[in-house]
C-alpha atoms as a PDB file:
ATOM      1  CA  MET A   1     -22.952  19.186   0.285  1.00  0.00           C
ATOM      2  CA  ASP A   2     -22.300  15.560  -0.626  1.00  0.00           C
ATOM      3  CA  ASP A   3     -18.731  14.005  -0.271  1.00  0.00           C
ATOM      4  CA  SER A   4     -17.924  14.197  -3.979  1.00  0.00           C
ATOM      5  CA  ALA A   5     -18.959  18.046  -4.079  1.00  0.00           C
ATOM      6  CA  ARG A   6     -16.763  18.778  -0.858  1.00  0.00           C
ATOM      7  CA  PHE A   7     -13.818  16.681  -2.334  1.00  0.00           C
ATOM      8  CA  LEU A   8     -13.924  18.712  -5.665  1.00  0.00           C
ATOM      9  CA  ALA A   9     -14.234  21.968  -3.848  1.00  0.00           C
ATOM     10  CA  ALA A  10     -11.269  21.042  -1.585  1.00  0.00           C
ATOM     11  CA  LEU A  11      -9.010  20.139  -4.481  1.00  0.00           C
ATOM     12  CA  LYS A  12      -9.926  23.349  -6.575  1.00  0.00           C
ATOM     13  CA  ASN A  13      -9.413  25.424  -3.632  1.00  0.00           C
ATOM     14  CA  ARG A  14      -6.182  23.568  -2.761  1.00  0.00           C
ATOM     15  CA  GLU A  15      -7.288  23.050   0.724  1.00  0.00           C
ATOM     16  CA  LEU A  16      -5.535  20.052   2.248  1.00  0.00           C
ATOM     17  CA  HIS A  17      -7.460  20.178   5.457  1.00  0.00           C
ATOM     18  CA  SER A  18     -10.677  19.865   3.483  1.00  0.00           C
ATOM     19  CA  VAL A  19      -9.396  16.956   1.450  1.00  0.00           C
ATOM     20  CA  ARG A  20      -8.733  15.253   4.417  1.00  0.00           C
ATOM     21  CA  GLN A  21     -12.327  15.467   5.613  1.00  0.00           C
ATOM     22  CA  VAL A  22     -13.681  13.490   2.822  1.00  0.00           C
ATOM     23  CA  PRO A  23     -13.542   9.603   3.029  1.00  0.00           C
ATOM     24  CA  LYS A  24     -11.032   7.769   0.916  1.00  0.00           C
ATOM     25  CA  ALA A  25      -9.221   4.351   0.909  1.00  0.00           C
ATOM     26  CA  ASP A  26      -5.562   3.514   1.556  1.00  0.00           C
ATOM     27  CA  LEU A  27      -4.859   0.107   0.018  1.00  0.00           C
ATOM     28  CA  HIS A  28      -1.260   0.159  -0.287  1.00  0.00           C
ATOM     29  CA  ASN A  29       0.317   1.088   3.051  1.00  0.00           C
ATOM     30  CA  HIS A  30       3.255  -0.662   5.000  1.00  0.00           C
ATOM     31  CA  PHE A  31       2.322  -0.018   8.597  1.00  0.00           C
ATOM     32  CA  VAL A  32       5.830  -0.239   9.821  1.00  0.00           C
ATOM     33  CA  LEU A  33       6.525   2.893   7.868  1.00  0.00           C
ATOM     34  CA  GLY A  34       2.946   4.110   7.362  1.00  0.00           C
ATOM     35  CA  GLY A  35       2.190   5.991  10.574  1.00  0.00           C
ATOM     36  CA  SER A  36       2.045   9.361  12.055  1.00  0.00           C
ATOM     37  CA  ARG A  37       5.485  10.877  12.678  1.00  0.00           C
ATOM     38  CA  ASP A  38       4.134  13.279  15.104  1.00  0.00           C
ATOM     39  CA  TYR A  39       2.507  10.538  17.087  1.00  0.00           C
ATOM     40  CA  LEU A  40       5.876   8.433  17.119  1.00  0.00           C
ATOM     41  CA  LYS A  41       7.823  11.650  18.052  1.00  0.00           C
ATOM     42  CA  GLN A  42       5.275  12.248  20.987  1.00  0.00           C
ATOM     43  CA  LYS A  43       5.619   8.692  22.305  1.00  0.00           C
ATOM     44  CA  THR A  44       9.405   8.130  21.865  1.00  0.00           C
ATOM     45  CA  GLY A  45      11.069  11.379  21.148  1.00  0.00           C
ATOM     46  CA  PHE A  46      12.339  10.148  17.694  1.00  0.00           C
ATOM     47  CA  ASP A  47      12.094  12.586  15.044  1.00  0.00           C
ATOM     48  CA  ILE A  48      11.921  10.705  11.762  1.00  0.00           C
ATOM     49  CA  GLN A  49      12.492  12.810   8.732  1.00  0.00           C
ATOM     50  CA  PRO A  50      11.121  11.990   5.320  1.00  0.00           C
ATOM     51  CA  LEU A  51      13.247  12.022   2.064  1.00  0.00           C
ATOM     52  CA  LYS A  52      14.186  15.556   0.773  1.00  0.00           C
ATOM     53  CA  GLN A  53      15.449  14.283  -2.693  1.00  0.00           C
ATOM     54  CA  ALA A  54      14.877  11.541  -5.144  1.00  0.00           C
ATOM     55  CA  LEU A  55      16.755   8.295  -4.693  1.00  0.00           C
ATOM     56  CA  CYS A  56      18.276   6.215  -7.475  1.00  0.00           C
ATOM     57  CA  ALA A  57      17.884   2.508  -6.064  1.00  0.00           C
ATOM     58  CA  MET A  58      16.121   0.514  -3.366  1.00  0.00           C
ATOM     59  CA  ASP A  59      19.450   0.164  -1.549  1.00  0.00           C
ATOM     60  CA  GLU A  60      19.504   3.826  -0.903  1.00  0.00           C
ATOM     61  CA  MET A  61      16.031   3.514   0.741  1.00  0.00           C
ATOM     62  CA  HIS A  62      17.475   0.754   2.871  1.00  0.00           C
ATOM     63  CA  VAL A  63      20.273   3.124   4.013  1.00  0.00           C
ATOM     64  CA  TRP A  64      17.673   5.750   4.860  1.00  0.00           C
ATOM     65  CA  ALA A  65      15.783   3.164   6.970  1.00  0.00           C
ATOM     66  CA  ASP A  66      18.875   2.058   8.803  1.00  0.00           C
ATOM     67  CA  GLU A  67      19.829   5.602   9.681  1.00  0.00           C
ATOM     68  CA  ASN A  68      16.238   6.766  10.576  1.00  0.00           C
ATOM     69  CA  ILE A  69      14.646   3.559  12.067  1.00  0.00           C
ATOM     70  CA  GLY A  70      17.404   1.118  12.480  1.00  0.00           C
ATOM     71  CA  SER A  71      16.649  -1.250  15.507  1.00  0.00           C
ATOM     72  CA  ARG A  72      14.537   1.432  17.518  1.00  0.00           C
ATOM     73  CA  PHE A  73      11.268  -0.600  16.893  1.00  0.00           C
ATOM     74  CA  ASP A  74      12.518  -4.207  17.256  1.00  0.00           C
ATOM     75  CA  SER A  75      10.386  -5.147  20.185  1.00  0.00           C
ATOM     76  CA  ARG A  76       6.808  -6.279  20.831  1.00  0.00           C
ATOM     77  CA  GLU A  77       6.051  -2.846  22.612  1.00  0.00           C
ATOM     78  CA  MET A  78       7.366  -0.818  19.651  1.00  0.00           C
ATOM     79  CA  ARG A  79       5.734  -2.918  16.928  1.00  0.00           C
ATOM     80  CA  GLU A  80       2.404  -2.209  18.775  1.00  0.00           C
ATOM     81  CA  LEU A  81       3.245   1.391  18.668  1.00  0.00           C
ATOM     82  CA  LEU A  82       3.853   1.483  14.964  1.00  0.00           C
ATOM     83  CA  ILE A  83       0.395  -0.067  14.509  1.00  0.00           C
ATOM     84  CA  GLU A  84      -1.258   2.473  16.698  1.00  0.00           C
ATOM     85  CA  ALA A  85       0.549   5.339  14.781  1.00  0.00           C
ATOM     86  CA  THR A  86      -0.865   3.868  11.422  1.00  0.00           C
ATOM     87  CA  PHE A  87      -4.378   4.059  12.786  1.00  0.00           C
ATOM     88  CA  VAL A  88      -3.730   7.564  14.060  1.00  0.00           C
ATOM     89  CA  GLN A  89      -2.406   8.594  10.750  1.00  0.00           C
ATOM     90  CA  ALA A  90      -5.274   7.045   8.737  1.00  0.00           C
ATOM     91  CA  LYS A  91      -7.723   8.748  11.025  1.00  0.00           C
ATOM     92  CA  GLN A  92      -6.208  12.077  10.621  1.00  0.00           C
ATOM     93  CA  ASP A  93      -6.269  11.690   6.873  1.00  0.00           C
ATOM     94  CA  GLY A  94      -9.961  10.809   6.429  1.00  0.00           C
ATOM     95  CA  VAL A  95      -9.152   7.233   5.461  1.00  0.00           C
ATOM     96  CA  SER A  96     -12.238   5.036   5.714  1.00  0.00           C
ATOM     97  CA  VAL A  97     -10.871   1.859   4.172  1.00  0.00           C
ATOM     98  CA  LEU A  98      -7.399   0.776   5.340  1.00  0.00           C
ATOM     99  CA  GLU A  99      -5.535  -2.311   4.268  1.00  0.00           C
ATOM    100  CA  ILE A 100      -2.499  -3.204   6.374  1.00  0.00           C
ATOM    101  CA  GLY A 101      -1.012  -6.202   7.904  1.00  0.00           C
ATOM    102  CA  GLU A 102       2.217  -7.860   9.438  1.00  0.00           C
ATOM    103  CA  ASP A 103       4.985  -9.769   7.812  1.00  0.00           C
ATOM    104  CA  VAL A 104       4.803 -13.452   8.194  1.00  0.00           C
ATOM    105  CA  TRP A 105       8.276 -13.782   9.817  1.00  0.00           C
ATOM    106  CA  ALA A 106       7.167 -11.228  12.597  1.00  0.00           C
ATOM    107  CA  LEU A 107       4.679 -13.679  14.080  1.00  0.00           C
ATOM    108  CA  GLY A 108       7.734 -15.551  15.732  1.00  0.00           C
ATOM    109  CA  ALA A 109       9.857 -12.538  16.178  1.00  0.00           C
ATOM    110  CA  TYR A 110       7.353 -10.244  18.129  1.00  0.00           C
ATOM    111  CA  PHE A 111       4.099 -12.355  18.808  1.00  0.00           C
ATOM    112  CA  HIS A 112       5.485 -15.621  20.278  1.00  0.00           C
ATOM    113  CA  ASN A 113       4.103 -17.632  17.233  1.00  0.00           C
ATOM    114  CA  ASP A 114       0.696 -16.912  18.443  1.00  0.00           C
ATOM    115  CA  LEU A 115      -1.556 -15.609  15.707  1.00  0.00           C
ATOM    116  CA  ASP A 116      -4.226 -14.580  18.017  1.00  0.00           C
ATOM    117  CA  GLU A 117      -1.740 -12.105  19.665  1.00  0.00           C
ATOM    118  CA  LEU A 118      -0.790 -10.667  16.342  1.00  0.00           C
ATOM    119  CA  VAL A 119      -4.457 -10.317  15.424  1.00  0.00           C
ATOM    120  CA  ASN A 120      -5.416  -8.778  18.727  1.00  0.00           C
ATOM    121  CA  ALA A 121      -2.637  -6.222  18.426  1.00  0.00           C
ATOM    122  CA  PHE A 122      -4.197  -4.787  15.280  1.00  0.00           C
ATOM    123  CA  GLU A 123      -7.830  -5.119  16.306  1.00  0.00           C
ATOM    124  CA  THR A 124      -7.173  -3.418  19.708  1.00  0.00           C
ATOM    125  CA  ALA A 125      -5.480  -0.500  18.181  1.00  0.00           C
ATOM    126  CA  HIS A 126      -8.209  -0.422  15.580  1.00  0.00           C
ATOM    127  CA  SER A 127     -11.057  -0.398  18.067  1.00  0.00           C
ATOM    128  CA  ARG A 128      -9.402   2.009  20.402  1.00  0.00           C
ATOM    129  CA  ILE A 129      -8.131   4.675  17.778  1.00  0.00           C
ATOM    130  CA  ALA A 130     -10.178   4.411  14.679  1.00  0.00           C
ATOM    131  CA  PRO A 131     -13.227   1.961  14.994  1.00  0.00           C
ATOM    132  CA  ASP A 132     -15.001   3.582  12.042  1.00  0.00           C
ATOM    133  CA  ILE A 133     -12.387   2.701   9.709  1.00  0.00           C
ATOM    134  CA  GLU A 134     -12.868  -0.554   7.582  1.00  0.00           C
ATOM    135  CA  LEU A 135      -9.759  -2.604   8.431  1.00  0.00           C
ATOM    136  CA  ARG A 136      -8.747  -5.151   5.894  1.00  0.00           C
ATOM    137  CA  LEU A 137      -5.998  -7.347   7.405  1.00  0.00           C
ATOM    138  CA  GLN A 138      -3.309  -8.325   4.985  1.00  0.00           C
ATOM    139  CA  ILE A 139      -0.550 -11.298   5.203  1.00  0.00           C
ATOM    140  CA  GLY A 140       2.752  -9.834   4.187  1.00  0.00           C
ATOM    141  CA  MET A 141       5.575 -11.729   2.573  1.00  0.00           C
ATOM    142  CA  SER A 142       9.161 -10.558   1.520  1.00  0.00           C
ATOM    143  CA  ARG A 143      10.806 -11.845  -1.756  1.00  0.00           C
ATOM    144  CA  HIS A 144      13.952 -11.747   0.014  1.00  0.00           C
ATOM    145  CA  CYS A 145      12.710 -14.868   2.099  1.00  0.00           C
ATOM    146  CA  GLY A 146      13.036 -18.575   0.864  1.00  0.00           C
ATOM    147  CA  VAL A 147       9.980 -20.001  -0.313  1.00  0.00           C
ATOM    148  CA  ASP A 148      10.171 -23.002   2.163  1.00  0.00           C
ATOM    149  CA  ASP A 149      10.519 -20.544   5.216  1.00  0.00           C
ATOM    150  CA  LEU A 150       7.428 -18.530   3.801  1.00  0.00           C
ATOM    151  CA  LEU A 151       5.492 -21.822   3.463  1.00  0.00           C
ATOM    152  CA  SER A 152       6.253 -22.807   7.140  1.00  0.00           C
ATOM    153  CA  TRP A 153       5.534 -19.340   8.431  1.00  0.00           C
ATOM    154  CA  LEU A 154       2.242 -19.119   6.514  1.00  0.00           C
ATOM    155  CA  GLU A 155       0.804 -22.368   8.133  1.00  0.00           C
ATOM    156  CA  PRO A 156      -0.842 -20.533  11.044  1.00  0.00           C
ATOM    157  CA  PHE A 157      -2.416 -17.914   8.635  1.00  0.00           C
ATOM    158  CA  TRP A 158      -4.291 -20.420   6.321  1.00  0.00           C
ATOM    159  CA  GLY A 159      -8.000 -20.517   6.915  1.00  0.00           C
ATOM    160  CA  ARG A 160      -8.080 -17.559   9.195  1.00  0.00           C
ATOM    161  CA  LYS A 161     -11.009 -15.254   8.468  1.00  0.00           C
ATOM    162  CA  GLU A 162      -9.604 -12.232   9.909  1.00  0.00           C
ATOM    163  CA  PHE A 163      -7.281 -11.751   6.941  1.00  0.00           C
ATOM    164  CA  TYR A 164      -8.586 -10.198   3.737  1.00  0.00           C
ATOM    165  CA  SER A 165      -5.416 -10.481   1.293  1.00  0.00           C
ATOM    166  CA  ILE A 166      -1.982 -11.601   0.977  1.00  0.00           C
ATOM    167  CA  ASP A 167       0.857  -9.455  -0.681  1.00  0.00           C
ATOM    168  CA  LEU A 168       4.422 -10.006  -1.712  1.00  0.00           C
ATOM    169  CA  TYR A 169       7.009  -7.159  -1.576  1.00  0.00           C
ATOM    170  CA  GLY A 170      10.554  -6.320  -1.606  1.00  0.00           C
ATOM    171  CA  ASP A 171      13.250  -6.274  -4.456  1.00  0.00           C
ATOM    172  CA  GLU A 172      11.426  -7.432  -7.579  1.00  0.00           C
ATOM    173  CA  LEU A 173      14.634  -9.142  -8.767  1.00  0.00           C
ATOM    174  CA  ALA A 174      15.413 -11.004  -5.454  1.00  0.00           C
ATOM    175  CA  GLN A 175      14.024 -14.240  -6.904  1.00  0.00           C
ATOM    176  CA  PRO A 176      11.713 -15.512  -9.954  1.00  0.00           C
ATOM    177  CA  ILE A 177       8.140 -14.723  -9.565  1.00  0.00           C
ATOM    178  CA  GLU A 178       7.353 -18.419 -10.493  1.00  0.00           C
ATOM    179  CA  ASN A 179       8.900 -19.456  -7.209  1.00  0.00           C
ATOM    180  CA  PHE A 180       5.864 -18.045  -5.154  1.00  0.00           C
ATOM    181  CA  VAL A 181       3.250 -20.071  -7.422  1.00  0.00           C
ATOM    182  CA  PRO A 182       2.599 -22.723  -4.639  1.00  0.00           C
ATOM    183  CA  ILE A 183       2.049 -20.039  -2.075  1.00  0.00           C
ATOM    184  CA  TYR A 184      -0.571 -18.142  -4.231  1.00  0.00           C
ATOM    185  CA  ARG A 185      -2.292 -21.216  -5.086  1.00  0.00           C
ATOM    186  CA  LYS A 186      -2.897 -22.049  -1.521  1.00  0.00           C
ATOM    187  CA  ALA A 187      -3.911 -18.412  -0.832  1.00  0.00           C
ATOM    188  CA  LYS A 188      -6.487 -18.618  -3.623  1.00  0.00           C
ATOM    189  CA  ASP A 189      -7.756 -21.792  -2.042  1.00  0.00           C
ATOM    190  CA  CYS A 190      -8.232 -20.029   1.151  1.00  0.00           C
ATOM    191  CA  GLY A 191     -10.239 -17.177  -0.407  1.00  0.00           C
ATOM    192  CA  LEU A 192      -7.650 -14.541   0.091  1.00  0.00           C
ATOM    193  CA  ARG A 193      -7.411 -11.586  -2.209  1.00  0.00           C
ATOM    194  CA  LEU A 194      -4.136 -11.972  -4.271  1.00  0.00           C
ATOM    195  CA  LYS A 195      -1.656  -9.013  -4.457  1.00  0.00           C
ATOM    196  CA  ALA A 196       1.976  -8.616  -5.183  1.00  0.00           C
ATOM    197  CA  HIS A 197       4.375  -5.636  -5.767  1.00  0.00           C
ATOM    198  CA  ILE A 198       5.303  -5.837  -9.458  1.00  0.00           C
ATOM    199  CA  GLY A 199       6.169  -3.241 -12.158  1.00  0.00           C
ATOM    200  CA  GLU A 200       7.593  -0.638  -9.835  1.00  0.00           C
ATOM    201  CA  TRP A 201      11.173  -1.594 -10.893  1.00  0.00           C
ATOM    202  CA  GLY A 202      10.471  -4.205 -13.347  1.00  0.00           C
ATOM    203  CA  THR A 203       8.674  -4.099 -16.890  1.00  0.00           C
ATOM    204  CA  ALA A 204       5.322  -4.175 -18.325  1.00  0.00           C
ATOM    205  CA  GLU A 205       5.899  -7.935 -19.229  1.00  0.00           C
ATOM    206  CA  ASP A 206       6.658  -8.547 -15.628  1.00  0.00           C
ATOM    207  CA  VAL A 207       3.386  -7.146 -14.702  1.00  0.00           C
ATOM    208  CA  VAL A 208       1.601  -9.267 -16.967  1.00  0.00           C
ATOM    209  CA  GLN A 209       3.493 -12.414 -16.453  1.00  0.00           C
ATOM    210  CA  GLY A 210       3.069 -11.880 -12.555  1.00  0.00           C
ATOM    211  CA  VAL A 211      -0.537 -11.482 -12.912  1.00  0.00           C
ATOM    212  CA  ARG A 212      -0.889 -14.601 -14.893  1.00  0.00           C
ATOM    213  CA  LEU A 213       1.350 -16.841 -12.716  1.00  0.00           C
ATOM    214  CA  LEU A 214       0.089 -15.804  -9.379  1.00  0.00           C
ATOM    215  CA  MET A 215      -3.498 -15.195 -10.400  1.00  0.00           C
ATOM    216  CA  LEU A 216      -3.485 -11.768  -9.031  1.00  0.00           C
ATOM    217  CA  ASP A 217      -6.523  -9.736  -8.306  1.00  0.00           C
ATOM    218  CA  GLU A 218      -4.456  -6.567  -7.659  1.00  0.00           C
ATOM    219  CA  VAL A 219      -1.064  -5.253  -8.333  1.00  0.00           C
ATOM    220  CA  GLN A 220       0.762  -2.772  -5.903  1.00  0.00           C
ATOM    221  CA  HIS A 221       2.550  -0.153  -8.199  1.00  0.00           C
ATOM    222  CA  GLY A 222       2.347  -1.790 -11.606  1.00  0.00           C
ATOM    223  CA  ILE A 223       3.220   1.533 -13.295  1.00  0.00           C
ATOM    224  CA  ALA A 224       5.468  -0.127 -15.696  1.00  0.00           C
ATOM    225  CA  ALA A 225       2.394  -1.296 -17.635  1.00  0.00           C
ATOM    226  CA  ALA A 226       1.843   2.210 -18.917  1.00  0.00           C
ATOM    227  CA  SER A 227       4.775   1.635 -21.456  1.00  0.00           C
ATOM    228  CA  SER A 228       2.965  -1.125 -23.231  1.00  0.00           C
ATOM    229  CA  GLU A 229      -0.452  -1.038 -24.824  1.00  0.00           C
ATOM    230  CA  GLN A 230      -0.665  -4.755 -24.677  1.00  0.00           C
ATOM    231  CA  ALA A 231      -0.091  -4.732 -20.970  1.00  0.00           C
ATOM    232  CA  ILE A 232      -2.940  -1.993 -20.530  1.00  0.00           C
ATOM    233  CA  HIS A 233      -5.295  -3.970 -22.559  1.00  0.00           C
ATOM    234  CA  PHE A 234      -4.574  -7.034 -20.335  1.00  0.00           C
ATOM    235  CA  LEU A 235      -5.145  -5.223 -17.127  1.00  0.00           C
ATOM    236  CA  ARG A 236      -8.228  -3.581 -18.366  1.00  0.00           C
ATOM    237  CA  GLU A 237      -9.848  -6.723 -19.818  1.00  0.00           C
ATOM    238  CA  ASN A 238      -8.989  -8.714 -16.874  1.00  0.00           C
ATOM    239  CA  LYS A 239     -10.093  -5.993 -14.468  1.00  0.00           C
ATOM    240  CA  ILE A 240      -6.809  -6.041 -12.539  1.00  0.00           C
ATOM    241  CA  ARG A 241      -6.559  -3.152 -10.035  1.00  0.00           C
ATOM    242  CA  LEU A 242      -3.253  -1.284  -9.711  1.00  0.00           C
ATOM    243  CA  ASN A 243      -2.770   0.348  -6.299  1.00  0.00           C
ATOM    244  CA  ILE A 244      -0.379   3.355  -7.141  1.00  0.00           C
ATOM    245  CA  THR A 245       1.788   5.474  -4.753  1.00  0.00           C
ATOM    246  CA  PRO A 246       2.642   8.429  -6.797  1.00  0.00           C
ATOM    247  CA  SER A 247       5.165  10.350  -4.457  1.00  0.00           C
ATOM    248  CA  SER A 248       6.761   7.078  -3.617  1.00  0.00           C
ATOM    249  CA  ASN A 249       7.444   6.469  -7.504  1.00  0.00           C
ATOM    250  CA  VAL A 250       8.873   9.923  -7.907  1.00  0.00           C
ATOM    251  CA  LEU A 251      11.169   9.893  -4.812  1.00  0.00           C
ATOM    252  CA  LEU A 252      12.515   6.398  -5.797  1.00  0.00           C
ATOM    253  CA  GLY A 253      13.266   7.642  -9.257  1.00  0.00           C
ATOM    254  CA  ARG A 254      10.841   5.408 -10.905  1.00  0.00           C
ATOM    255  CA  VAL A 255       8.943   8.404 -12.450  1.00  0.00           C
ATOM    256  CA  LYS A 256      10.896  11.618 -13.433  1.00  0.00           C
ATOM    257  CA  GLU A 257       8.412  14.053 -11.920  1.00  0.00           C
ATOM    258  CA  MET A 258       4.951  14.165 -10.713  1.00  0.00           C
ATOM    259  CA  ALA A 259       3.529  15.909 -13.787  1.00  0.00           C
ATOM    260  CA  ALA A 260       4.712  12.925 -15.847  1.00  0.00           C
ATOM    261  CA  HIS A 261       3.224  10.207 -13.485  1.00  0.00           C
ATOM    262  CA  PRO A 262       1.769   7.447 -15.760  1.00  0.00           C
ATOM    263  CA  ILE A 263      -1.379   7.002 -13.484  1.00  0.00           C
ATOM    264  CA  ALA A 264      -3.137   9.448 -15.976  1.00  0.00           C
ATOM    265  CA  LYS A 265      -2.491   7.211 -18.888  1.00  0.00           C
ATOM    266  CA  LEU A 266      -3.545   4.278 -17.127  1.00  0.00           C
ATOM    267  CA  TYR A 267      -6.711   5.697 -15.667  1.00  0.00           C
ATOM    268  CA  ARG A 268      -7.706   7.181 -19.100  1.00  0.00           C
ATOM    269  CA  GLU A 269      -7.290   3.906 -20.889  1.00  0.00           C
ATOM    270  CA  GLY A 270      -9.581   2.088 -18.436  1.00  0.00           C
ATOM    271  CA  VAL A 271      -7.340   0.438 -15.999  1.00  0.00           C
ATOM    272  CA  ASP A 272      -8.637   0.131 -12.411  1.00  0.00           C
ATOM    273  CA  VAL A 273      -6.363   2.321 -10.430  1.00  0.00           C
ATOM    274  CA  THR A 274      -6.229   3.685  -6.785  1.00  0.00           C
ATOM    275  CA  VAL A 275      -4.302   6.295  -5.202  1.00  0.00           C
ATOM    276  CA  ASN A 276      -2.368   5.364  -1.945  1.00  0.00           C
ATOM    277  CA  SER A 277       0.322   6.262   0.532  1.00  0.00           C
ATOM    278  CA  ASP A 278       2.903   3.611   0.519  1.00  0.00           C
ATOM    279  CA  ASP A 279       5.524   4.472   3.351  1.00  0.00           C
ATOM    280  CA  ILE A 280       4.573   7.797   4.935  1.00  0.00           C
ATOM    281  CA  LEU A 281       7.409   8.099   6.970  1.00  0.00           C
ATOM    282  CA  ILE A 282       9.936   7.892   4.119  1.00  0.00           C
ATOM    283  CA  PHE A 283       8.030   9.833   1.518  1.00  0.00           C
ATOM    284  CA  GLY A 284       6.192  12.298   3.786  1.00  0.00           C
ATOM    285  CA  SER A 285       2.950  12.136   1.801  1.00  0.00           C
ATOM    286  CA  ASP A 286      -0.397  10.699   2.984  1.00  0.00           C
ATOM    287  CA  VAL A 287      -3.355   9.932   0.650  1.00  0.00           C
ATOM    288  CA  SER A 288      -4.824  13.420   0.806  1.00  0.00           C
ATOM    289  CA  LYS A 289      -1.363  14.979  -0.194  1.00  0.00           C
ATOM    290  CA  GLU A 290      -1.121  12.535  -3.080  1.00  0.00           C
ATOM    291  CA  TYR A 291      -4.648  13.515  -4.422  1.00  0.00           C
ATOM    292  CA  LEU A 292      -3.527  17.207  -4.060  1.00  0.00           C
ATOM    293  CA  SER A 293      -0.358  16.666  -5.582  1.00  0.00           C
ATOM    294  CA  LEU A 294      -1.753  14.960  -8.758  1.00  0.00           C
ATOM    295  CA  TYR A 295      -4.166  17.901  -9.104  1.00  0.00           C
ATOM    296  CA  ASP A 296      -1.526  20.711  -8.439  1.00  0.00           C
ATOM    297  CA  ASN A 297       0.680  19.020 -11.077  1.00  0.00           C
ATOM    298  CA  GLY A 298      -2.042  18.729 -13.608  1.00  0.00           C
ATOM    299  CA  VAL A 299      -1.859  15.092 -13.926  1.00  0.00           C
ATOM    300  CA  LEU A 300      -5.597  14.342 -13.489  1.00  0.00           C
ATOM    301  CA  SER A 301      -8.639  16.662 -13.212  1.00  0.00           C
ATOM    302  CA  ALA A 302     -10.492  17.087  -9.964  1.00  0.00           C
ATOM    303  CA  GLU A 303     -13.386  15.061 -11.508  1.00  0.00           C
ATOM    304  CA  GLU A 304     -11.073  12.205 -12.569  1.00  0.00           C
ATOM    305  CA  LEU A 305      -9.580  12.160  -8.971  1.00  0.00           C
ATOM    306  CA  ASN A 306     -12.815  11.951  -7.420  1.00  0.00           C
ATOM    307  CA  GLY A 307     -13.667   8.980  -9.600  1.00  0.00           C
ATOM    308  CA  ILE A 308     -10.484   7.287  -8.402  1.00  0.00           C
ATOM    309  CA  ARG A 309     -11.377   8.185  -4.707  1.00  0.00           C
ATOM    310  CA  LEU A 310     -14.824   6.507  -5.257  1.00  0.00           C
ATOM    311  CA  ASN A 311     -13.481   3.536  -7.083  1.00  0.00           C
ATOM    312  CA  GLY A 312     -11.062   2.963  -4.126  1.00  0.00           C
ATOM    313  CA  LEU A 313     -13.959   2.800  -1.783  1.00  0.00           C
ATOM    314  CA  LYS A 314     -16.055   0.136  -3.602  1.00  0.00           C
ATOM    315  CA  SER A 315     -16.198  -3.408  -2.354  1.00  0.00           C
ATOM    316  CA  VAL A 316     -15.108  -6.262  -4.661  1.00  0.00           C
ATOM    317  CA  CYS A 317     -18.625  -7.170  -5.495  1.00  0.00           C
ATOM    318  CA  GLU A 318     -19.501  -3.584  -6.338  1.00  0.00           C
ATOM    319  CA  ARG A 319     -16.459  -3.446  -8.764  1.00  0.00           C
ATOM    320  CA  HIS A 320     -17.231  -6.707 -10.612  1.00  0.00           C
END
């Protein structure tokens, strides 16, 4: 039985363990909150509990993070433990393509401003825990940081071939998206895959504007685009990928319930979508659970979900 047949059977039989045995991608995972809670509990004794009910604002998520994470991991040793936990989680979940990375400010905070140390932390954990996973290292930036600071922190990263992509995350309303144009022009010149978090809290128009201004290849979330046929057409015609995290969208109050998730509309209208985990420690759902939840709630058929799974595993050259 090939992988597609095994995946279809696992979904239809609602066998989470079997879903986890089939290769899949996780292209939207924030490693600080994307690891195995069991592994972290085993190593530290911290029992990090996921959300039990939907929130209404990002500020409420920050409160959760302060209460459950706080400053417990504010050291080089603990930062490396979070990296390890992410590879442990990904391996257990059957992830074969994993895109994760570090925030640019953390280079000075945890790695002595030595980029080789940072890269080695990821590559060592990768080779020791899950060498069969294709690791795509990402450069992370927060919208809450000033652009001049970001440009300064980014200097060591430019031209480093270990990095696959760059991503912008945080509060979409923190500052105008156009402020980041100089960064993305430089990132494009360096050959990085261009990504940003847009359309989780913003509008369909924000998604289109962000893609145009930053020349994005992919959007993290982007679900607001489902409300606009013009935005859907734009994403489809320009082959912009949306890396969607369904449980996160529900638990942050961006989607009323899983059964109503707009990933179905986006996929059926030809938008390139993938299914991903986001913050596993907060939302309590890995990629396999996401697929099973979408199937259980009648959002997409098993065959459609398998198509999304296969699409996430394709390389850039295979998709274009």
